[in-house]
Each structure stands twice: as C-alpha cells, then as structure tokens.
Amino acid sequence: MNVVIKIFSVLASVAAGAAARKALEMGWRKGTGHEPPKDAGDLRNSLPGVLVFALVTAASGAVIQVATQRLGRKATVGLERHPEEV
C-alpha cells in the first residue's frame, strides 16, 4: 500500500507543480504586462525580474513538495493505524 501512496504523492506533486507554474505565469503577465522570463540568459529580460521570478517559482515548488510529502506521510500513517478501512 505504501507504493500506491508514494505514486499518488508524486502524481499530486507534479499536478500541483504544473498548476502553480500556470498560476505564476498568469500572475506575472497580469502584474508586469510582460511574458515571464523563460531563459535566464536572455539579456532582454531584466536581471531583477529574472531573479524574482526564479525565487517565487523555487519557493512555490518547495512548498508544494513539502505539502505533498507530508500529506503522503499522513496517509501512510493513517493506513497503518486503520488498515481495515481500506
């Protein structure tokens, strides 16, 4: 059963990451009126803009990863305590 929960956690993390990325891109467009920086080496993008976008993207990714890992762990512990509910 732990394998199923781990697979579900990975899938949930990927889905949440994709949704967060779309939301960040949409928020960036709305807030700045420009496309989000895709290539950090592109000199047409300002350095502060690239850094802010990178920091926000990394922070949201870390939050999603921690949240999905913790939820997966809670599910595992819950199933170990009450396996008859499965």
PDB file of N, CA and C in Angstrom:
ATOM      1  N   MET A   1       0.821  -1.195   0.000  1.00  0.00           N
ATOM      2  CA  MET A   1       0.000   0.000   0.000  1.00  0.00           C
ATOM      3  C   MET A   1       0.867   1.262   0.000  1.00  0.00           C
ATOM      4  N   ASN A   2       2.041   1.188   0.617  1.00  0.00           N
ATOM      5  CA  ASN A   2       2.919   2.356   0.644  1.00  0.00           C
ATOM      6  C   ASN A   2       3.335   2.785  -0.763  1.00  0.00           C
ATOM      7  N   VAL A   3       3.484   1.823  -1.658  1.00  0.00           N
ATOM      8  CA  VAL A   3       3.890   2.135  -3.029  1.00  0.00           C
ATOM      9  C   VAL A   3       2.797   2.949  -3.715  1.00  0.00           C
ATOM     10  N   VAL A   4       1.546   2.582  -3.487  1.00  0.00           N
ATOM     11  CA  VAL A   4       0.421   3.311  -4.078  1.00  0.00           C
ATOM     12  C   VAL A   4       0.393   4.743  -3.568  1.00  0.00           C
ATOM     13  N   ILE A   5       0.614   4.910  -2.292  1.00  0.00           N
ATOM     14  CA  ILE A   5       0.610   6.254  -1.710  1.00  0.00           C
ATOM     15  C   ILE A   5       1.785   7.070  -2.241  1.00  0.00           C
ATOM     16  N   LYS A   6       2.941   6.457  -2.390  1.00  0.00           N
ATOM     17  CA  LYS A   6       4.098   7.172  -2.941  1.00  0.00           C
ATOM     18  C   LYS A   6       3.844   7.599  -4.381  1.00  0.00           C
ATOM     19  N   ILE A   7       3.258   6.715  -5.164  1.00  0.00           N
ATOM     20  CA  ILE A   7       2.936   7.067  -6.553  1.00  0.00           C
ATOM     21  C   ILE A   7       1.920   8.193  -6.583  1.00  0.00           C
ATOM     22  N   PHE A   8       0.895   8.099  -5.741  1.00  0.00           N
ATOM     23  CA  PHE A   8      -0.111   9.146  -5.671  1.00  0.00           C
ATOM     24  C   PHE A   8       0.514  10.478  -5.249  1.00  0.00           C
ATOM     25  N   SER A   9       1.446  10.436  -4.298  1.00  0.00           N
ATOM     26  CA  SER A   9       2.118  11.663  -3.847  1.00  0.00           C
ATOM     27  C   SER A   9       2.918  12.306  -4.968  1.00  0.00           C
ATOM     28  N   VAL A  10       3.609  11.494  -5.744  1.00  0.00           N
ATOM     29  CA  VAL A  10       4.392  12.014  -6.867  1.00  0.00           C
ATOM     30  C   VAL A  10       3.461  12.639  -7.907  1.00  0.00           C
ATOM     31  N   LEU A  11       2.384  11.948  -8.240  1.00  0.00           N
ATOM     32  CA  LEU A  11       1.434  12.472  -9.217  1.00  0.00           C
ATOM     33  C   LEU A  11       0.782  13.767  -8.724  1.00  0.00           C
ATOM     34  N   ALA A  12       0.440  13.807  -7.441  1.00  0.00           N
ATOM     35  CA  ALA A  12      -0.145  15.019  -6.875  1.00  0.00           C
ATOM     36  C   ALA A  12       0.854  16.164  -6.900  1.00  0.00           C
ATOM     37  N   SER A  13       2.106  15.871  -6.630  1.00  0.00           N
ATOM     38  CA  SER A  13       3.140  16.894  -6.656  1.00  0.00           C
ATOM     39  C   SER A  13       3.336  17.446  -8.067  1.00  0.00           C
ATOM     40  N   VAL A  14       3.358  16.570  -9.050  1.00  0.00           N
ATOM     41  CA  VAL A  14       3.524  17.011 -10.438  1.00  0.00           C
ATOM     42  C   VAL A  14       2.334  17.860 -10.879  1.00  0.00           C
ATOM     43  N   ALA A  15       1.128  17.403 -10.546  1.00  0.00           N
ATOM     44  CA  ALA A  15      -0.072  18.154 -10.928  1.00  0.00           C
ATOM     45  C   ALA A  15      -0.116  19.516 -10.232  1.00  0.00           C
ATOM     46  N   ALA A  16       0.208  19.541  -8.950  1.00  0.00           N
ATOM     47  CA  ALA A  16       0.212  20.810  -8.219  1.00  0.00           C
ATOM     48  C   ALA A  16       1.298  21.738  -8.756  1.00  0.00           C
ATOM     49  N   GLY A  17       2.443  21.187  -9.107  1.00  0.00           N
ATOM     50  CA  GLY A  17       3.516  21.993  -9.675  1.00  0.00           C
ATOM     51  C   GLY A  17       3.135  22.612 -11.011  1.00  0.00           C
ATOM     52  N   ALA A  18       2.470  21.826 -11.847  1.00  0.00           N
ATOM     53  CA  ALA A  18       2.032  22.345 -13.152  1.00  0.00           C
ATOM     54  C   ALA A  18       0.987  23.440 -12.969  1.00  0.00           C
ATOM     55  N   ALA A  19       0.061  23.230 -12.050  1.00  0.00           N
ATOM     56  CA  ALA A  19      -0.964  24.247 -11.788  1.00  0.00           C
ATOM     57  C   ALA A  19      -0.344  25.518 -11.217  1.00  0.00           C
ATOM     58  N   ALA A  20       0.614  25.352 -10.314  1.00  0.00           N
ATOM     59  CA  ALA A  20       1.277  26.514  -9.723  1.00  0.00           C
ATOM     60  C   ALA A  20       2.071  27.277 -10.779  1.00  0.00           C
ATOM     61  N   ARG A  21       2.723  26.563 -11.657  1.00  0.00           N
ATOM     62  CA  ARG A  21       3.503  27.213 -12.722  1.00  0.00           C
ATOM     63  C   ARG A  21       2.591  28.054 -13.615  1.00  0.00           C
ATOM     64  N   LYS A  22       1.448  27.485 -13.991  1.00  0.00           N
ATOM     65  CA  LYS A  22       0.491  28.233 -14.819  1.00  0.00           C
ATOM     66  C   LYS A  22      -0.016  29.459 -14.068  1.00  0.00           C
ATOM     67  N   ALA A  23      -0.314  29.300 -12.795  1.00  0.00           N
ATOM     68  CA  ALA A  23      -0.806  30.426 -11.997  1.00  0.00           C
ATOM     69  C   ALA A  23       0.266  31.508 -11.863  1.00  0.00           C
ATOM     70  N   LEU A  24       1.518  31.095 -11.651  1.00  0.00           N
ATOM     71  CA  LEU A  24       2.605  32.069 -11.545  1.00  0.00           C
ATOM     72  C   LEU A  24       2.797  32.819 -12.860  1.00  0.00           C
ATOM     73  N   GLU A  25       2.742  32.101 -13.970  1.00  0.00           N
ATOM     74  CA  GLU A  25       2.900  32.753 -15.270  1.00  0.00           C
ATOM     75  C   GLU A  25       1.766  33.743 -15.528  1.00  0.00           C
ATOM     76  N   MET A  26       0.543  33.332 -15.187  1.00  0.00           N
ATOM     77  CA  MET A  26      -0.599  34.222 -15.384  1.00  0.00           C
ATOM     78  C   MET A  26      -0.485  35.455 -14.480  1.00  0.00           C
ATOM     79  N   GLY A  27      -0.091  35.235 -13.236  1.00  0.00           N
ATOM     80  CA  GLY A  27       0.093  36.356 -12.313  1.00  0.00           C
ATOM     81  C   GLY A  27       1.196  37.290 -12.765  1.00  0.00           C
ATOM     82  N   TRP A  28       2.261  36.726 -13.304  1.00  0.00           N
ATOM     83  CA  TRP A  28       3.372  37.542 -13.808  1.00  0.00           C
ATOM     84  C   TRP A  28       2.909  38.423 -14.971  1.00  0.00           C
ATOM     85  N   ARG A  29       2.169  37.806 -15.900  1.00  0.00           N
ATOM     86  CA  ARG A  29       1.658  38.573 -17.049  1.00  0.00           C
ATOM     87  C   ARG A  29       0.736  39.700 -16.582  1.00  0.00           C
ATOM     88  N   LYS A  30      -0.134  39.377 -15.650  1.00  0.00           N
ATOM     89  CA  LYS A  30      -1.082  40.374 -15.156  1.00  0.00           C
ATOM     90  C   LYS A  30      -0.375  41.485 -14.378  1.00  0.00           C
ATOM     91  N   GLY A  31       0.601  41.103 -13.568  1.00  0.00           N
ATOM     92  CA  GLY A  31       1.294  42.073 -12.728  1.00  0.00           C
ATOM     93  C   GLY A  31       2.285  42.955 -13.463  1.00  0.00           C
ATOM     94  N   THR A  32       2.970  42.373 -14.444  1.00  0.00           N
ATOM     95  CA  THR A  32       4.018  43.136 -15.129  1.00  0.00           C
ATOM     96  C   THR A  32       3.637  43.565 -16.533  1.00  0.00           C
ATOM     97  N   GLY A  33       2.679  42.872 -17.130  1.00  0.00           N
ATOM     98  CA  GLY A  33       2.314  43.165 -18.512  1.00  0.00           C
ATOM     99  C   GLY A  33       3.274  42.549 -19.517  1.00  0.00           C
ATOM    100  N   HIS A  34       4.204  41.716 -19.046  1.00  0.00           N
ATOM    101  CA  HIS A  34       5.190  41.061 -19.910  1.00  0.00           C
ATOM    102  C   HIS A  34       5.090  39.548 -19.729  1.00  0.00           C
ATOM    103  N   GLU A  35       5.660  38.840 -20.681  1.00  0.00           N
ATOM    104  CA  GLU A  35       5.765  37.390 -20.552  1.00  0.00           C
ATOM    105  C   GLU A  35       6.768  37.054 -19.450  1.00  0.00           C
ATOM    106  N   PRO A  36       6.546  35.973 -18.723  1.00  0.00           N
ATOM    107  CA  PRO A  36       7.529  35.585 -17.701  1.00  0.00           C
ATOM    108  C   PRO A  36       8.850  35.187 -18.364  1.00  0.00           C
ATOM    109  N   PRO A  37       9.956  35.430 -17.692  1.00  0.00           N
ATOM    110  CA  PRO A  37      11.255  35.090 -18.284  1.00  0.00           C
ATOM    111  C   PRO A  37      11.418  33.573 -18.378  1.00  0.00           C
ATOM    112  N   LYS A  38      11.639  33.081 -19.574  1.00  0.00           N
ATOM    113  CA  LYS A  38      11.819  31.641 -19.806  1.00  0.00           C
ATOM    114  C   LYS A  38      13.302  31.264 -19.813  1.00  0.00           C
ATOM    115  N   ASP A  39      14.147  32.197 -20.262  1.00  0.00           N
ATOM    116  CA  ASP A  39      15.574  31.929 -20.396  1.00  0.00           C
ATOM    117  C   ASP A  39      16.336  32.958 -19.567  1.00  0.00           C
ATOM    118  N   ALA A  40      16.974  32.483 -18.506  1.00  0.00           N
ATOM    119  CA  ALA A  40      17.702  33.398 -17.626  1.00  0.00           C
ATOM    120  C   ALA A  40      18.871  34.069 -18.341  1.00  0.00           C
ATOM    121  N   GLY A  41      19.375  33.461 -19.400  1.00  0.00           N
ATOM    122  CA  GLY A  41      20.495  34.028 -20.133  1.00  0.00           C
ATOM    123  C   GLY A  41      20.096  35.061 -21.175  1.00  0.00           C
ATOM    124  N   ASP A  42      18.801  35.215 -21.401  1.00  0.00           N
ATOM    125  CA  ASP A  42      18.322  36.186 -22.384  1.00  0.00           C
ATOM    126  C   ASP A  42      18.491  37.596 -21.823  1.00  0.00           C
ATOM    127  N   LEU A  43      19.329  38.395 -22.450  1.00  0.00           N
ATOM    128  CA  LEU A  43      19.633  39.734 -21.935  1.00  0.00           C
ATOM    129  C   LEU A  43      18.490  40.723 -22.102  1.00  0.00           C
ATOM    130  N   ARG A  44      17.455  40.346 -22.841  1.00  0.00           N
ATOM    131  CA  ARG A  44      16.289  41.233 -22.956  1.00  0.00           C
ATOM    132  C   ARG A  44      15.460  41.235 -21.678  1.00  0.00           C
ATOM    133  N   ASN A  45      15.617  40.197 -20.858  1.00  0.00           N
ATOM    134  CA  ASN A  45      14.934  40.140 -19.566  1.00  0.00           C
ATOM    135  C   ASN A  45      15.799  40.819 -18.512  1.00  0.00           C
ATOM    136  N   SER A  46      15.176  41.645 -17.690  1.00  0.00           N
ATOM    137  CA  SER A  46      15.954  42.334 -16.654  1.00  0.00           C
ATOM    138  C   SER A  46      16.408  41.337 -15.595  1.00  0.00           C
ATOM    139  N   LEU A  47      17.577  41.562 -15.047  1.00  0.00           N
ATOM    140  CA  LEU A  47      18.120  40.678 -14.022  1.00  0.00           C
ATOM    141  C   LEU A  47      17.217  40.630 -12.789  1.00  0.00           C
ATOM    142  N   PRO A  48      16.749  41.768 -12.267  1.00  0.00           N
ATOM    143  CA  PRO A  48      15.847  41.687 -11.109  1.00  0.00           C
ATOM    144  C   PRO A  48      14.570  40.893 -11.417  1.00  0.00           C
ATOM    145  N   GLY A  49      14.031  41.064 -12.597  1.00  0.00           N
ATOM    146  CA  GLY A  49      12.830  40.314 -12.970  1.00  0.00           C
ATOM    147  C   GLY A  49      13.071  38.819 -13.029  1.00  0.00           C
ATOM    148  N   VAL A  50      14.194  38.437 -13.619  1.00  0.00           N
ATOM    149  CA  VAL A  50      14.540  37.022 -13.707  1.00  0.00           C
ATOM    150  C   VAL A  50      14.738  36.444 -12.309  1.00  0.00           C
ATOM    151  N   LEU A  51      15.430  37.179 -11.447  1.00  0.00           N
ATOM    152  CA  LEU A  51      15.681  36.696 -10.090  1.00  0.00           C
ATOM    153  C   LEU A  51      14.394  36.570  -9.282  1.00  0.00           C
ATOM    154  N   VAL A  52      13.516  37.546  -9.392  1.00  0.00           N
ATOM    155  CA  VAL A  52      12.249  37.490  -8.653  1.00  0.00           C
ATOM    156  C   VAL A  52      11.422  36.302  -9.136  1.00  0.00           C
ATOM    157  N   PHE A  53      11.328  36.125 -10.439  1.00  0.00           N
ATOM    158  CA  PHE A  53      10.550  35.009 -10.970  1.00  0.00           C
ATOM    159  C   PHE A  53      11.161  33.677 -10.535  1.00  0.00           C
ATOM    160  N   ALA A  54      12.476  33.578 -10.562  1.00  0.00           N
ATOM    161  CA  ALA A  54      13.148  32.341 -10.145  1.00  0.00           C
ATOM    162  C   ALA A  54      12.909  32.056  -8.668  1.00  0.00           C
ATOM    163  N   LEU A  55      12.997  33.077  -7.828  1.00  0.00           N
ATOM    164  CA  LEU A  55      12.782  32.887  -6.387  1.00  0.00           C
ATOM    165  C   LEU A  55      11.348  32.478  -6.078  1.00  0.00           C
ATOM    166  N   VAL A  56      10.396  33.131  -6.710  1.00  0.00           N
ATOM    167  CA  VAL A  56       8.989  32.804  -6.468  1.00  0.00           C
ATOM    168  C   VAL A  56       8.681  31.394  -6.966  1.00  0.00           C
ATOM    169  N   THR A  57       9.213  31.033  -8.118  1.00  0.00           N
ATOM    170  CA  THR A  57       8.994  29.689  -8.667  1.00  0.00           C
ATOM    171  C   THR A  57       9.614  28.631  -7.751  1.00  0.00           C
ATOM    172  N   ALA A  58      10.826  28.866  -7.293  1.00  0.00           N
ATOM    173  CA  ALA A  58      11.501  27.907  -6.414  1.00  0.00           C
ATOM    174  C   ALA A  58      10.777  27.780  -5.079  1.00  0.00           C
ATOM    175  N   ALA A  59      10.349  28.893  -4.525  1.00  0.00           N
ATOM    176  CA  ALA A  59       9.646  28.856  -3.240  1.00  0.00           C
ATOM    177  C   ALA A  59       8.328  28.098  -3.362  1.00  0.00           C
ATOM    178  N   SER A  60       7.589  28.349  -4.432  1.00  0.00           N
ATOM    179  CA  SER A  60       6.314  27.641  -4.590  1.00  0.00           C
ATOM    180  C   SER A  60       6.555  26.153  -4.809  1.00  0.00           C
ATOM    181  N   GLY A  61       7.600  25.806  -5.535  1.00  0.00           N
ATOM    182  CA  GLY A  61       7.942  24.397  -5.727  1.00  0.00           C
ATOM    183  C   GLY A  61       8.299  23.710  -4.415  1.00  0.00           C
ATOM    184  N   ALA A  62       9.035  24.394  -3.567  1.00  0.00           N
ATOM    185  CA  ALA A  62       9.413  23.828  -2.275  1.00  0.00           C
ATOM    186  C   ALA A  62       8.186  23.623  -1.389  1.00  0.00           C
ATOM    187  N   VAL A  63       7.283  24.592  -1.394  1.00  0.00           N
ATOM    188  CA  VAL A  63       6.060  24.473  -0.597  1.00  0.00           C
ATOM    189  C   VAL A  63       5.222  23.293  -1.081  1.00  0.00           C
ATOM    190  N   ILE A  64       5.096  23.150  -2.384  1.00  0.00           N
ATOM    191  CA  ILE A  64       4.317  22.040  -2.951  1.00  0.00           C
ATOM    192  C   ILE A  64       4.960  20.705  -2.594  1.00  0.00           C
ATOM    193  N   GLN A  65       6.264  20.626  -2.692  1.00  0.00           N
ATOM    194  CA  GLN A  65       6.956  19.381  -2.385  1.00  0.00           C
ATOM    195  C   GLN A  65       6.761  18.991  -0.917  1.00  0.00           C
ATOM    196  N   VAL A  66       6.933  19.932  -0.019  1.00  0.00           N
ATOM    197  CA  VAL A  66       6.770  19.641   1.404  1.00  0.00           C
ATOM    198  C   VAL A  66       5.328  19.245   1.705  1.00  0.00           C
ATOM    199  N   ALA A  67       4.374  19.967   1.139  1.00  0.00           N
ATOM    200  CA  ALA A  67       2.965  19.679   1.400  1.00  0.00           C
ATOM    201  C   ALA A  67       2.583  18.282   0.911  1.00  0.00           C
ATOM    202  N   THR A  68       2.996  17.920  -0.282  1.00  0.00           N
ATOM    203  CA  THR A  68       2.624  16.602  -0.797  1.00  0.00           C
ATOM    204  C   THR A  68       3.341  15.483  -0.047  1.00  0.00           C
ATOM    205  N   GLN A  69       4.579  15.708   0.366  1.00  0.00           N
ATOM    206  CA  GLN A  69       5.280  14.699   1.150  1.00  0.00           C
ATOM    207  C   GLN A  69       4.608  14.485   2.501  1.00  0.00           C
ATOM    208  N   ARG A  70       4.218  15.590   3.135  1.00  0.00           N
ATOM    209  CA  ARG A  70       3.568  15.478   4.446  1.00  0.00           C
ATOM    210  C   ARG A  70       2.197  14.814   4.329  1.00  0.00           C
ATOM    211  N   LEU A  71       1.446  15.167   3.299  1.00  0.00           N
ATOM    212  CA  LEU A  71       0.136  14.539   3.125  1.00  0.00           C
ATOM    213  C   LEU A  71       0.283  13.045   2.823  1.00  0.00           C
ATOM    214  N   GLY A  72       1.276  12.702   2.035  1.00  0.00           N
ATOM    215  CA  GLY A  72       1.536  11.290   1.759  1.00  0.00           C
ATOM    216  C   GLY A  72       1.927  10.533   3.012  1.00  0.00           C
ATOM    217  N   ARG A  73       2.748  11.156   3.830  1.00  0.00           N
ATOM    218  CA  ARG A  73       3.163  10.514   5.088  1.00  0.00           C
ATOM    219  C   ARG A  73       1.979  10.349   6.033  1.00  0.00           C
ATOM    220  N   LYS A  74       1.114  11.366   6.105  1.00  0.00           N
ATOM    221  CA  LYS A  74      -0.077  11.261   6.952  1.00  0.00           C
ATOM    222  C   LYS A  74      -0.976  10.131   6.475  1.00  0.00           C
ATOM    223  N   ALA A  75      -1.112   9.990   5.162  1.00  0.00           N
ATOM    224  CA  ALA A  75      -1.928   8.910   4.609  1.00  0.00           C
ATOM    225  C   ALA A  75      -1.326   7.552   4.958  1.00  0.00           C
ATOM    226  N   THR A  76      -0.026   7.426   4.866  1.00  0.00           N
ATOM    227  CA  THR A  76       0.642   6.173   5.204  1.00  0.00           C
ATOM    228  C   THR A  76       0.429   5.816   6.667  1.00  0.00           C
ATOM    229  N   VAL A  77       0.628   6.786   7.540  1.00  0.00           N
ATOM    230  CA  VAL A  77       0.449   6.550   8.972  1.00  0.00           C
ATOM    231  C   VAL A  77      -1.004   6.192   9.267  1.00  0.00           C
ATOM    232  N   GLY A  78      -1.930   6.900   8.632  1.00  0.00           N
ATOM    233  CA  GLY A  78      -3.344   6.604   8.850  1.00  0.00           C
ATOM    234  C   GLY A  78      -3.711   5.202   8.402  1.00  0.00           C
ATOM    235  N   LEU A  79      -3.164   4.749   7.277  1.00  0.00           N
ATOM    236  CA  LEU A  79      -3.455   3.403   6.799  1.00  0.00           C
ATOM    237  C   LEU A  79      -2.804   2.341   7.672  1.00  0.00           C
ATOM    238  N   GLU A  80      -1.647   2.657   8.245  1.00  0.00           N
ATOM    239  CA  GLU A  80      -1.002   1.699   9.135  1.00  0.00           C
ATOM    240  C   GLU A  80      -1.798   1.534  10.422  1.00  0.00           C
ATOM    241  N   ARG A  81      -2.455   2.585  10.875  1.00  0.00           N
ATOM    242  CA  ARG A  81      -3.242   2.528  12.100  1.00  0.00           C
ATOM    243  C   ARG A  81      -4.599   1.869  11.876  1.00  0.00           C
ATOM    244  N   HIS A  82      -5.194   2.112  10.707  1.00  0.00           N
ATOM    245  CA  HIS A  82      -6.543   1.605  10.434  1.00  0.00           C
ATOM    246  C   HIS A  82      -6.589   0.902   9.070  1.00  0.00           C
ATOM    247  N   PRO A  83      -5.902  -0.222   8.921  1.00  0.00           N
ATOM    248  CA  PRO A  83      -5.874  -0.889   7.615  1.00  0.00           C
ATOM    249  C   PRO A  83      -7.229  -1.465   7.202  1.00  0.00           C
ATOM    250  N   GLU A  84      -8.120  -1.682   8.140  1.00  0.00           N
ATOM    251  CA  GLU A  84      -9.426  -2.254   7.807  1.00  0.00           C
ATOM    252  C   GLU A  84     -10.303  -1.285   7.035  1.00  0.00           C
ATOM    253  N   GLU A  85      -9.982  -0.006   7.038  1.00  0.00           N
ATOM    254  CA  GLU A  85     -10.779   0.979   6.326  1.00  0.00           C
ATOM    255  C   GLU A  85     -10.468   1.024   4.835  1.00  0.00           C
ATOM    256  N   VAL A  86      -9.442   0.321   4.408  1.00  0.00           N
ATOM    257  CA  VAL A  86      -9.037   0.353   3.000  1.00  0.00           C
ATOM    258  C   VAL A  86      -9.894  -0.507   2.175  1.00  0.00           C
TER     259      VAL A  86
END
